[in-house]
Amino acid sequence: MKEQGLKKWVVDPVNKTLTVFIRGTDGKYARGVVYAGEDVLKTSLFEGLEIKMEEVFEER
């Protein structure tokens, strides 16, 4: 049985984006939200966790 609502995160370092894909009732993944720039990703997986895209893609 495939878990509905399961999420996959795909990081694109070239375009500096993080895309969240969500599995639907049909078992297929659909693109949900794309994060970039000043966006902040918050997840229910870990209470209080905030991931700032500016920091993820910061040039070092």
C-alpha atoms as a PDB file:
ATOM      1  CA  MET A   1       0.000   0.000   0.000  1.00  0.00           C
ATOM      2  CA  LYS A   2       1.378   3.391  -0.982  1.00  0.00           C
ATOM      3  CA  GLU A   3       1.048   6.135   1.578  1.00  0.00           C
ATOM      4  CA  GLN A   4      -1.055   9.054   0.364  1.00  0.00           C
ATOM      5  CA  GLY A   5       0.336  12.485   1.199  1.00  0.00           C
ATOM      6  CA  LEU A   6       3.932  11.249   1.304  1.00  0.00           C
ATOM      7  CA  LYS A   7       6.269  14.089   0.313  1.00  0.00           C
ATOM      8  CA  LYS A   8       9.534  14.183  -1.601  1.00  0.00           C
ATOM      9  CA  TRP A   9      11.849  17.165  -1.616  1.00  0.00           C
ATOM     10  CA  VAL A  10      13.921  17.828  -4.734  1.00  0.00           C
ATOM     11  CA  VAL A  11      16.736  20.371  -4.507  1.00  0.00           C
ATOM     12  CA  ASP A  12      17.901  22.109  -7.686  1.00  0.00           C
ATOM     13  CA  PRO A  13      21.219  23.852  -6.923  1.00  0.00           C
ATOM     14  CA  VAL A  14      21.488  25.356 -10.415  1.00  0.00           C
ATOM     15  CA  ASN A  15      18.147  27.190 -10.234  1.00  0.00           C
ATOM     16  CA  LYS A  16      18.374  27.535  -6.437  1.00  0.00           C
ATOM     17  CA  THR A  17      14.963  25.996  -5.771  1.00  0.00           C
ATOM     18  CA  LEU A  18      13.516  23.313  -3.535  1.00  0.00           C
ATOM     19  CA  THR A  19      10.386  21.627  -4.884  1.00  0.00           C
ATOM     20  CA  VAL A  20       8.034  19.574  -2.727  1.00  0.00           C
ATOM     21  CA  PHE A  21       6.179  16.756  -4.507  1.00  0.00           C
ATOM     22  CA  ILE A  22       3.139  15.169  -2.815  1.00  0.00           C
ATOM     23  CA  ARG A  23       1.777  11.679  -3.540  1.00  0.00           C
ATOM     24  CA  GLY A  24      -1.919  11.705  -4.383  1.00  0.00           C
ATOM     25  CA  THR A  25      -4.612   9.093  -3.948  1.00  0.00           C
ATOM     26  CA  ASP A  26      -3.636   7.596  -7.322  1.00  0.00           C
ATOM     27  CA  GLY A  27      -0.104   6.907  -6.041  1.00  0.00           C
ATOM     28  CA  LYS A  28       1.452   9.442  -8.409  1.00  0.00           C
ATOM     29  CA  TYR A  29       3.449  12.449  -7.311  1.00  0.00           C
ATOM     30  CA  ALA A  30       2.297  15.949  -8.194  1.00  0.00           C
ATOM     31  CA  ARG A  31       4.304  19.111  -7.783  1.00  0.00           C
ATOM     32  CA  GLY A  32       3.185  20.996  -4.724  1.00  0.00           C
ATOM     33  CA  VAL A  33       5.196  24.031  -3.671  1.00  0.00           C
ATOM     34  CA  VAL A  34       8.414  25.504  -5.072  1.00  0.00           C
ATOM     35  CA  TYR A  35      10.609  27.393  -2.607  1.00  0.00           C
ATOM     36  CA  ALA A  36      13.291  29.895  -3.656  1.00  0.00           C
ATOM     37  CA  GLY A  37      14.803  33.265  -2.792  1.00  0.00           C
ATOM     38  CA  GLU A  38      13.521  34.574   0.536  1.00  0.00           C
ATOM     39  CA  ASP A  39      11.057  31.698   1.062  1.00  0.00           C
ATOM     40  CA  VAL A  40      11.108  29.747   4.317  1.00  0.00           C
ATOM     41  CA  LEU A  41      10.105  26.084   4.331  1.00  0.00           C
ATOM     42  CA  LYS A  42       8.286  24.949   7.481  1.00  0.00           C
ATOM     43  CA  THR A  43       7.520  21.286   7.982  1.00  0.00           C
ATOM     44  CA  SER A  44       5.273  19.361  10.334  1.00  0.00           C
ATOM     45  CA  LEU A  45       7.897  16.602  10.429  1.00  0.00           C
ATOM     46  CA  PHE A  46       9.935  18.517  13.013  1.00  0.00           C
ATOM     47  CA  GLU A  47       8.138  21.091  15.149  1.00  0.00           C
ATOM     48  CA  GLY A  48       9.806  24.484  14.951  1.00  0.00           C
ATOM     49  CA  LEU A  49      12.085  23.607  12.020  1.00  0.00           C
ATOM     50  CA  GLU A  50      12.391  26.423   9.487  1.00  0.00           C
ATOM     51  CA  ILE A  51      14.636  26.154   6.440  1.00  0.00           C
ATOM     52  CA  LYS A  52      15.567  29.470   4.844  1.00  0.00           C
ATOM     53  CA  MET A  53      16.241  29.115   1.142  1.00  0.00           C
ATOM     54  CA  GLU A  54      18.714  32.022   1.261  1.00  0.00           C
ATOM     55  CA  GLU A  55      20.846  29.970   3.654  1.00  0.00           C
ATOM     56  CA  VAL A  56      20.477  26.715   1.714  1.00  0.00           C
ATOM     57  CA  PHE A  57      21.766  28.302  -1.479  1.00  0.00           C
ATOM     58  CA  GLU A  58      24.197  30.770   0.079  1.00  0.00           C
ATOM     59  CA  GLU A  59      27.423  31.142  -1.949  1.00  0.00           C
ATOM     60  CA  ARG A  60      30.495  30.136   0.063  1.00  0.00           C
END
